[in-house]
PDB file of N, CA and C in Angstrom:
ATOM      1  N   UNK A   1     110.107  86.740  77.217  1.00  0.00           N
ATOM      2  CA  UNK A   1     108.847  85.200  76.960  1.00  0.00           C
ATOM      3  C   UNK A   1     107.989  85.499  78.577  1.00  0.00           C
ATOM      4  N   UNK A   2     107.008  85.456  78.330  1.00  0.00           N
ATOM      5  CA  UNK A   2     105.718  85.543  78.860  1.00  0.00           C
ATOM      6  C   UNK A   2     106.194  84.760  80.240  1.00  0.00           C
ATOM      7  N   UNK A   3     106.863  83.445  79.783  1.00  0.00           N
ATOM      8  CA  UNK A   3     107.044  82.398  81.185  1.00  0.00           C
ATOM      9  C   UNK A   3     108.174  82.913  81.906  1.00  0.00           C
ATOM     10  N   UNK A   4     108.948  83.500  81.391  1.00  0.00           N
ATOM     11  CA  UNK A   4     109.915  83.907  82.539  1.00  0.00           C
ATOM     12  C   UNK A   4     109.715  85.200  83.250  1.00  0.00           C
ATOM     13  N   UNK A   5     109.061  86.196  82.487  1.00  0.00           N
ATOM     14  CA  UNK A   5     108.391  87.379  83.703  1.00  0.00           C
ATOM     15  C   UNK A   5     107.323  86.913  84.842  1.00  0.00           C
ATOM     16  N   UNK A   6     106.385  85.758  84.221  1.00  0.00           N
ATOM     17  CA  UNK A   6     105.574  85.289  85.459  1.00  0.00           C
ATOM     18  C   UNK A   6     106.030  84.295  86.212  1.00  0.00           C
ATOM     19  N   UNK A   7     107.237  83.129  85.740  1.00  0.00           N
ATOM     20  CA  UNK A   7     108.042  82.786  86.537  1.00  0.00           C
ATOM     21  C   UNK A   7     108.674  83.429  87.726  1.00  0.00           C
ATOM     22  N   UNK A   8     109.501  84.692  87.233  1.00  0.00           N
ATOM     23  CA  UNK A   8     110.283  85.758  88.204  1.00  0.00           C
ATOM     24  C   UNK A   8     108.851  86.372  89.010  1.00  0.00           C
ATOM     25  N   UNK A   9     107.599  86.801  88.447  1.00  0.00           N
ATOM     26  CA  UNK A   9     107.503  87.698  89.334  1.00  0.00           C
ATOM     27  C   UNK A   9     106.561  86.635  90.375  1.00  0.00           C
ATOM     28  N   UNK A  10     106.410  85.512  90.193  1.00  0.00           N
ATOM     29  CA  UNK A  10     106.052  84.411  91.150  1.00  0.00           C
ATOM     30  C   UNK A  10     107.302  84.600  92.447  1.00  0.00           C
ATOM     31  N   UNK A  11     108.563  84.418  91.697  1.00  0.00           N
ATOM     32  CA  UNK A  11     109.473  84.263  92.502  1.00  0.00           C
ATOM     33  C   UNK A  11     110.022  85.577  93.132  1.00  0.00           C
ATOM     34  N   UNK A  12     109.645  86.523  92.940  1.00  0.00           N
ATOM     35  CA  UNK A  12     109.813  87.728  93.558  1.00  0.00           C
ATOM     36  C   UNK A  12     108.929  88.352  94.402  1.00  0.00           C
ATOM     37  N   UNK A  13     107.743  87.429  94.516  1.00  0.00           N
ATOM     38  CA  UNK A  13     106.733  88.027  95.361  1.00  0.00           C
ATOM     39  C   UNK A  13     105.828  88.899  94.843  1.00  0.00           C
ATOM     40  N   UNK A  14     106.059  89.371  93.491  1.00  0.00           N
ATOM     41  CA  UNK A  14     105.052  90.815  93.020  1.00  0.00           C
ATOM     42  C   UNK A  14     104.153  90.739  93.050  1.00  0.00           C
ATOM     43  N   UNK A  15     103.033  91.756  93.721  1.00  0.00           N
ATOM     44  CA  UNK A  15     101.845  92.007  93.563  1.00  0.00           C
ATOM     45  C   UNK A  15     101.294  93.021  92.741  1.00  0.00           C
ATOM     46  N   UNK A  16      99.980  93.245  92.513  1.00  0.00           N
ATOM     47  CA  UNK A  16      99.691  94.348  91.333  1.00  0.00           C
ATOM     48  C   UNK A  16      99.899  95.409  92.123  1.00  0.00           C
ATOM     49  N   UNK A  17     100.029  96.761  91.940  1.00  0.00           N
ATOM     50  CA  UNK A  17     100.175  96.877  90.359  1.00  0.00           C
ATOM     51  C   UNK A  17     101.784  96.317  90.220  1.00  0.00           C
ATOM     52  N   UNK A  18     102.767  95.823  90.699  1.00  0.00           N
ATOM     53  CA  UNK A  18     103.992  95.772  90.244  1.00  0.00           C
ATOM     54  C   UNK A  18     104.017  94.545  89.450  1.00  0.00           C
ATOM     55  N   UNK A  19     104.512  94.255  88.294  1.00  0.00           N
ATOM     56  CA  UNK A  19     104.849  93.014  87.936  1.00  0.00           C
ATOM     57  C   UNK A  19     106.504  93.058  87.244  1.00  0.00           C
ATOM     58  N   UNK A  20     106.688  92.227  86.755  1.00  0.00           N
ATOM     59  CA  UNK A  20     108.195  91.850  86.216  1.00  0.00           C
ATOM     60  C   UNK A  20     107.710  92.076  84.538  1.00  0.00           C
ATOM     61  N   UNK A  21     108.690  93.382  84.241  1.00  0.00           N
ATOM     62  CA  UNK A  21     108.590  94.103  82.736  1.00  0.00           C
ATOM     63  C   UNK A  21     109.290  92.540  81.656  1.00  0.00           C
ATOM     64  N   UNK A  22     110.331  92.597  82.349  1.00  0.00           N
ATOM     65  CA  UNK A  22     111.455  91.331  80.998  1.00  0.00           C
ATOM     66  C   UNK A  22     112.505  90.830  82.104  1.00  0.00           C
ATOM     67  N   UNK A  23     112.575  89.780  81.709  1.00  0.00           N
ATOM     68  CA  UNK A  23     113.672  88.867  81.999  1.00  0.00           C
ATOM     69  C   UNK A  23     115.227  88.671  81.117  1.00  0.00           C
ATOM     70  N   UNK A  24     116.135  88.496  81.551  1.00  0.00           N
ATOM     71  CA  UNK A  24     116.930  88.724  80.717  1.00  0.00           C
ATOM     72  C   UNK A  24     118.222  87.175  81.323  1.00  0.00           C
ATOM     73  N   UNK A  25     118.155  86.000  80.465  1.00  0.00           N
ATOM     74  CA  UNK A  25     118.819  85.122  81.235  1.00  0.00           C
ATOM     75  C   UNK A  25     120.174  84.499  80.419  1.00  0.00           C
ATOM     76  N   UNK A  26     121.243  84.673  81.659  1.00  0.00           N
ATOM     77  CA  UNK A  26     122.625  84.686  80.665  1.00  0.00           C
ATOM     78  C   UNK A  26     123.101  82.789  81.219  1.00  0.00           C
ATOM     79  N   UNK A  27     122.764  81.802  80.602  1.00  0.00           N
ATOM     80  CA  UNK A  27     122.926  80.597  80.944  1.00  0.00           C
ATOM     81  C   UNK A  27     124.339  80.432  80.840  1.00  0.00           C
ATOM     82  N   UNK A  28     125.407  81.169  80.312  1.00  0.00           N
ATOM     83  CA  UNK A  28     127.315  80.710  80.499  1.00  0.00           C
ATOM     84  C   UNK A  28     127.217  81.501  81.676  1.00  0.00           C
ATOM     85  N   UNK A  29     126.526  82.795  82.545  1.00  0.00           N
ATOM     86  CA  UNK A  29     126.875  83.144  83.578  1.00  0.00           C
ATOM     87  C   UNK A  29     126.259  82.753  84.750  1.00  0.00           C
ATOM     88  N   UNK A  30     125.377  82.152  84.393  1.00  0.00           N
ATOM     89  CA  UNK A  30     124.401  81.577  85.610  1.00  0.00           C
ATOM     90  C   UNK A  30     123.849  82.735  86.107  1.00  0.00           C
ATOM     91  N   UNK A  31     123.287  83.537  85.543  1.00  0.00           N
ATOM     92  CA  UNK A  31     122.613  85.025  85.893  1.00  0.00           C
ATOM     93  C   UNK A  31     120.862  85.546  85.407  1.00  0.00           C
ATOM     94  N   UNK A  32     120.693  85.686  86.115  1.00  0.00           N
ATOM     95  CA  UNK A  32     119.239  86.289  85.657  1.00  0.00           C
ATOM     96  C   UNK A  32     118.928  87.637  86.158  1.00  0.00           C
ATOM     97  N   UNK A  33     118.398  88.312  85.175  1.00  0.00           N
ATOM     98  CA  UNK A  33     118.105  89.997  85.418  1.00  0.00           C
ATOM     99  C   UNK A  33     116.715  90.210  85.556  1.00  0.00           C
ATOM    100  N   UNK A  34     115.991  90.570  86.329  1.00  0.00           N
ATOM    101  CA  UNK A  34     114.669  90.798  86.090  1.00  0.00           C
ATOM    102  C   UNK A  34     113.896  92.488  86.426  1.00  0.00           C
ATOM    103  N   UNK A  35     113.694  93.049  85.922  1.00  0.00           N
ATOM    104  CA  UNK A  35     113.011  94.512  85.617  1.00  0.00           C
ATOM    105  C   UNK A  35     111.635  94.546  86.156  1.00  0.00           C
ATOM    106  N   UNK A  36     111.495  95.635  87.142  1.00  0.00           N
ATOM    107  CA  UNK A  36     110.170  95.641  87.919  1.00  0.00           C
ATOM    108  C   UNK A  36     109.536  96.508  87.419  1.00  0.00           C
ATOM    109  N   UNK A  37     108.511  96.449  86.862  1.00  0.00           N
ATOM    110  CA  UNK A  37     107.327  97.463  86.125  1.00  0.00           C
ATOM    111  C   UNK A  37     106.104  97.631  86.964  1.00  0.00           C
ATOM    112  N   UNK A  38     105.301  98.672  86.056  1.00  0.00           N
ATOM    113  CA  UNK A  38     104.192  98.596  86.776  1.00  0.00           C
ATOM    114  C   UNK A  38     103.303  99.281  85.412  1.00  0.00           C
ATOM    115  N   UNK A  39     102.048  99.396  85.532  1.00  0.00           N
ATOM    116  CA  UNK A  39     101.195 100.224  83.939  1.00  0.00           C
ATOM    117  C   UNK A  39     101.335 101.396  84.275  1.00  0.00           C
ATOM    118  N   UNK A  40     101.272 101.679  82.660  1.00  0.00           N
ATOM    119  CA  UNK A  40     101.402 103.164  82.709  1.00  0.00           C
ATOM    120  C   UNK A  40     100.224 103.712  83.323  1.00  0.00           C
ATOM    121  N   UNK A  41     100.289 105.092  83.478  1.00  0.00           N
ATOM    122  CA  UNK A  41      99.223 105.734  84.502  1.00  0.00           C
ATOM    123  C   UNK A  41      98.943 105.644  85.538  1.00  0.00           C
ATOM    124  N   UNK A  42      99.475 104.561  86.370  1.00  0.00           N
ATOM    125  CA  UNK A  42      99.235 104.114  87.621  1.00  0.00           C
ATOM    126  C   UNK A  42      99.199 105.089  88.545  1.00  0.00           C
ATOM    127  N   UNK A  43      97.973 105.268  89.562  1.00  0.00           N
ATOM    128  CA  UNK A  43      98.124 106.005  90.639  1.00  0.00           C
ATOM    129  C   UNK A  43      98.757 105.788  91.931  1.00  0.00           C
ATOM    130  N   UNK A  44      99.000 106.207  92.625  1.00  0.00           N
ATOM    131  CA  UNK A  44      99.803 106.169  94.024  1.00  0.00           C
ATOM    132  C   UNK A  44      99.569 106.886  95.054  1.00  0.00           C
ATOM    133  N   UNK A  45      99.229 106.200  96.222  1.00  0.00           N
ATOM    134  CA  UNK A  45      98.770 106.823  97.402  1.00  0.00           C
ATOM    135  C   UNK A  45      99.555 107.201  98.133  1.00  0.00           C
ATOM    136  N   UNK A  46      99.555 109.179  98.283  1.00  0.00           N
ATOM    137  CA  UNK A  46     100.451 109.847  99.099  1.00  0.00           C
ATOM    138  C   UNK A  46     100.659 109.024 100.399  1.00  0.00           C
ATOM    139  N   UNK A  47     101.864 109.371 100.506  1.00  0.00           N
ATOM    140  CA  UNK A  47     102.514 108.850 102.264  1.00  0.00           C
ATOM    141  C   UNK A  47     101.709 109.731 103.269  1.00  0.00           C
ATOM    142  N   UNK A  48     101.300 110.602 103.349  1.00  0.00           N
ATOM    143  CA  UNK A  48     100.995 111.214 104.407  1.00  0.00           C
ATOM    144  C   UNK A  48      99.514 111.269 104.389  1.00  0.00           C
ATOM    145  N   UNK A  49      98.229 111.455 102.902  1.00  0.00           N
ATOM    146  CA  UNK A  49      96.889 111.457 103.277  1.00  0.00           C
ATOM    147  C   UNK A  49      96.560 110.082 102.134  1.00  0.00           C
ATOM    148  N   UNK A  50      97.064 109.214 101.664  1.00  0.00           N
ATOM    149  CA  UNK A  50      96.609 108.374 101.141  1.00  0.00           C
ATOM    150  C   UNK A  50      96.074 108.619  99.886  1.00  0.00           C
ATOM    151  N   UNK A  51      95.575 109.891  99.320  1.00  0.00           N
ATOM    152  CA  UNK A  51      95.083 110.289  98.191  1.00  0.00           C
ATOM    153  C   UNK A  51      95.912 109.667  96.990  1.00  0.00           C
ATOM    154  N   UNK A  52      95.258 108.855  96.357  1.00  0.00           N
ATOM    155  CA  UNK A  52      95.964 108.863  95.140  1.00  0.00           C
ATOM    156  C   UNK A  52      96.243 109.992  93.772  1.00  0.00           C
ATOM    157  N   UNK A  53      97.265 109.797  93.669  1.00  0.00           N
ATOM    158  CA  UNK A  53      98.242 111.126  93.009  1.00  0.00           C
ATOM    159  C   UNK A  53      98.987 110.163  91.706  1.00  0.00           C
ATOM    160  N   UNK A  54      99.313 111.174  90.460  1.00  0.00           N
ATOM    161  CA  UNK A  54      99.586 110.558  89.429  1.00  0.00           C
ATOM    162  C   UNK A  54     101.320 110.824  89.471  1.00  0.00           C
ATOM    163  N   UNK A  55     102.133 109.959  88.816  1.00  0.00           N
ATOM    164  CA  UNK A  55     103.321 109.682  88.846  1.00  0.00           C
ATOM    165  C   UNK A  55     104.360 110.335  88.053  1.00  0.00           C
ATOM    166  N   UNK A  56     105.133 111.603  88.636  1.00  0.00           N
ATOM    167  CA  UNK A  56     105.923 112.519  87.608  1.00  0.00           C
ATOM    168  C   UNK A  56     107.103 111.787  87.331  1.00  0.00           C
ATOM    169  N   UNK A  57     107.684 111.622  88.175  1.00  0.00           N
ATOM    170  CA  UNK A  57     109.187 110.888  87.733  1.00  0.00           C
ATOM    171  C   UNK A  57     109.520 109.863  88.675  1.00  0.00           C
ATOM    172  N   UNK A  58     110.728 109.406  87.570  1.00  0.00           N
ATOM    173  CA  UNK A  58     111.151 107.764  88.688  1.00  0.00           C
ATOM    174  C   UNK A  58     112.692 108.311  88.791  1.00  0.00           C
ATOM    175  N   UNK A  59     113.440 107.988  89.766  1.00  0.00           N
ATOM    176  CA  UNK A  59     114.411 107.699  90.465  1.00  0.00           C
ATOM    177  C   UNK A  59     115.379 107.094  89.550  1.00  0.00           C
ATOM    178  N   UNK A  60     116.715 107.364  89.722  1.00  0.00           N
ATOM    179  CA  UNK A  60     117.630 106.502  88.625  1.00  0.00           C
ATOM    180  C   UNK A  60     117.463 105.296  88.913  1.00  0.00           C
ATOM    181  N   UNK A  61     118.102 104.281  87.876  1.00  0.00           N
ATOM    182  CA  UNK A  61     117.836 103.023  88.160  1.00  0.00           C
ATOM    183  C   UNK A  61     118.743 102.215  89.029  1.00  0.00           C
ATOM    184  N   UNK A  62     118.381 101.085  90.288  1.00  0.00           N
ATOM    185  CA  UNK A  62     118.938 100.685  90.969  1.00  0.00           C
ATOM    186  C   UNK A  62     118.901  99.158  90.904  1.00  0.00           C
ATOM    187  N   UNK A  63     119.722  98.630  91.338  1.00  0.00           N
ATOM    188  CA  UNK A  63     119.812  97.125  91.009  1.00  0.00           C
ATOM    189  C   UNK A  63     120.594  96.233  92.403  1.00  0.00           C
ATOM    190  N   UNK A  64     119.328  95.263  92.861  1.00  0.00           N
ATOM    191  CA  UNK A  64     119.450  94.745  94.087  1.00  0.00           C
ATOM    192  C   UNK A  64     120.313  93.212  93.903  1.00  0.00           C
ATOM    193  N   UNK A  65     120.587  92.508  94.476  1.00  0.00           N
ATOM    194  CA  UNK A  65     121.033  91.258  94.650  1.00  0.00           C
ATOM    195  C   UNK A  65     119.700  90.516  95.504  1.00  0.00           C
ATOM    196  N   UNK A  66     119.391  89.275  94.400  1.00  0.00           N
ATOM    197  CA  UNK A  66     118.091  88.445  95.347  1.00  0.00           C
ATOM    198  C   UNK A  66     118.374  87.186  95.311  1.00  0.00           C
ATOM    199  N   UNK A  67     117.954  86.625  96.506  1.00  0.00           N
ATOM    200  CA  UNK A  67     118.363  85.208  96.440  1.00  0.00           C
ATOM    201  C   UNK A  67     118.476  84.448  95.337  1.00  0.00           C
ATOM    202  N   UNK A  68     119.395  83.653  94.802  1.00  0.00           N
ATOM    203  CA  UNK A  68     119.489  83.011  93.702  1.00  0.00           C
ATOM    204  C   UNK A  68     118.175  81.767  93.410  1.00  0.00           C
ATOM    205  N   UNK A  69     117.898  82.061  92.025  1.00  0.00           N
ATOM    206  CA  UNK A  69     116.566  80.892  91.602  1.00  0.00           C
ATOM    207  C   UNK A  69     117.432  80.170  90.642  1.00  0.00           C
ATOM    208  N   UNK A  70     116.943  78.892  90.662  1.00  0.00           N
ATOM    209  CA  UNK A  70     117.454  77.791  89.751  1.00  0.00           C
ATOM    210  C   UNK A  70     118.799  77.891  89.416  1.00  0.00           C
ATOM    211  N   UNK A  71     119.620  78.076  90.680  1.00  0.00           N
ATOM    212  CA  UNK A  71     121.058  77.933  90.310  1.00  0.00           C
ATOM    213  C   UNK A  71     121.529  78.897  90.026  1.00  0.00           C
ATOM    214  N   UNK A  72     120.631  80.520  89.751  1.00  0.00           N
ATOM    215  CA  UNK A  72     121.236  81.615  88.971  1.00  0.00           C
ATOM    216  C   UNK A  72     121.438  82.723  89.947  1.00  0.00           C
ATOM    217  N   UNK A  73     122.685  83.063  89.971  1.00  0.00           N
ATOM    218  CA  UNK A  73     122.154  84.906  90.533  1.00  0.00           C
ATOM    219  C   UNK A  73     121.253  85.363  89.915  1.00  0.00           C
ATOM    220  N   UNK A  74     120.331  86.261  90.899  1.00  0.00           N
ATOM    221  CA  UNK A  74     119.339  86.574  90.792  1.00  0.00           C
ATOM    222  C   UNK A  74     119.787  88.448  90.836  1.00  0.00           C
ATOM    223  N   UNK A  75     119.364  88.886  89.905  1.00  0.00           N
ATOM    224  CA  UNK A  75     119.643  90.366  90.335  1.00  0.00           C
ATOM    225  C   UNK A  75     118.025  91.428  89.841  1.00  0.00           C
ATOM    226  N   UNK A  76     117.711  91.921  90.684  1.00  0.00           N
ATOM    227  CA  UNK A  76     116.325  92.720  90.682  1.00  0.00           C
ATOM    228  C   UNK A  76     116.698  94.235  89.729  1.00  0.00           C
ATOM    229  N   UNK A  77     116.308  94.805  89.100  1.00  0.00           N
ATOM    230  CA  UNK A  77     116.324  96.450  88.499  1.00  0.00           C
ATOM    231  C   UNK A  77     115.173  97.011  88.714  1.00  0.00           C
ATOM    232  N   UNK A  78     115.167  98.041  89.217  1.00  0.00           N
ATOM    233  CA  UNK A  78     114.018  98.739  89.391  1.00  0.00           C
ATOM    234  C   UNK A  78     113.778 100.215  89.250  1.00  0.00           C
TER     235      UNK A  78
END
């Protein structure tokens, strides 16, 4: 739901170009999982020269425990 992704974008403090691609809520387990996303074709600054470059690949997905949100354990996937 758009409401969930916008809520978690604000809760996680994500700013452009980052956003929340999707959120899965499990009320029974009191768990929320949010996936970080960016627009396709986004160009990223080189850490050495700051020139904007295309992204060629991603690292394997990782998961971090975030602060609880709305009494749910919150996990960020990226």
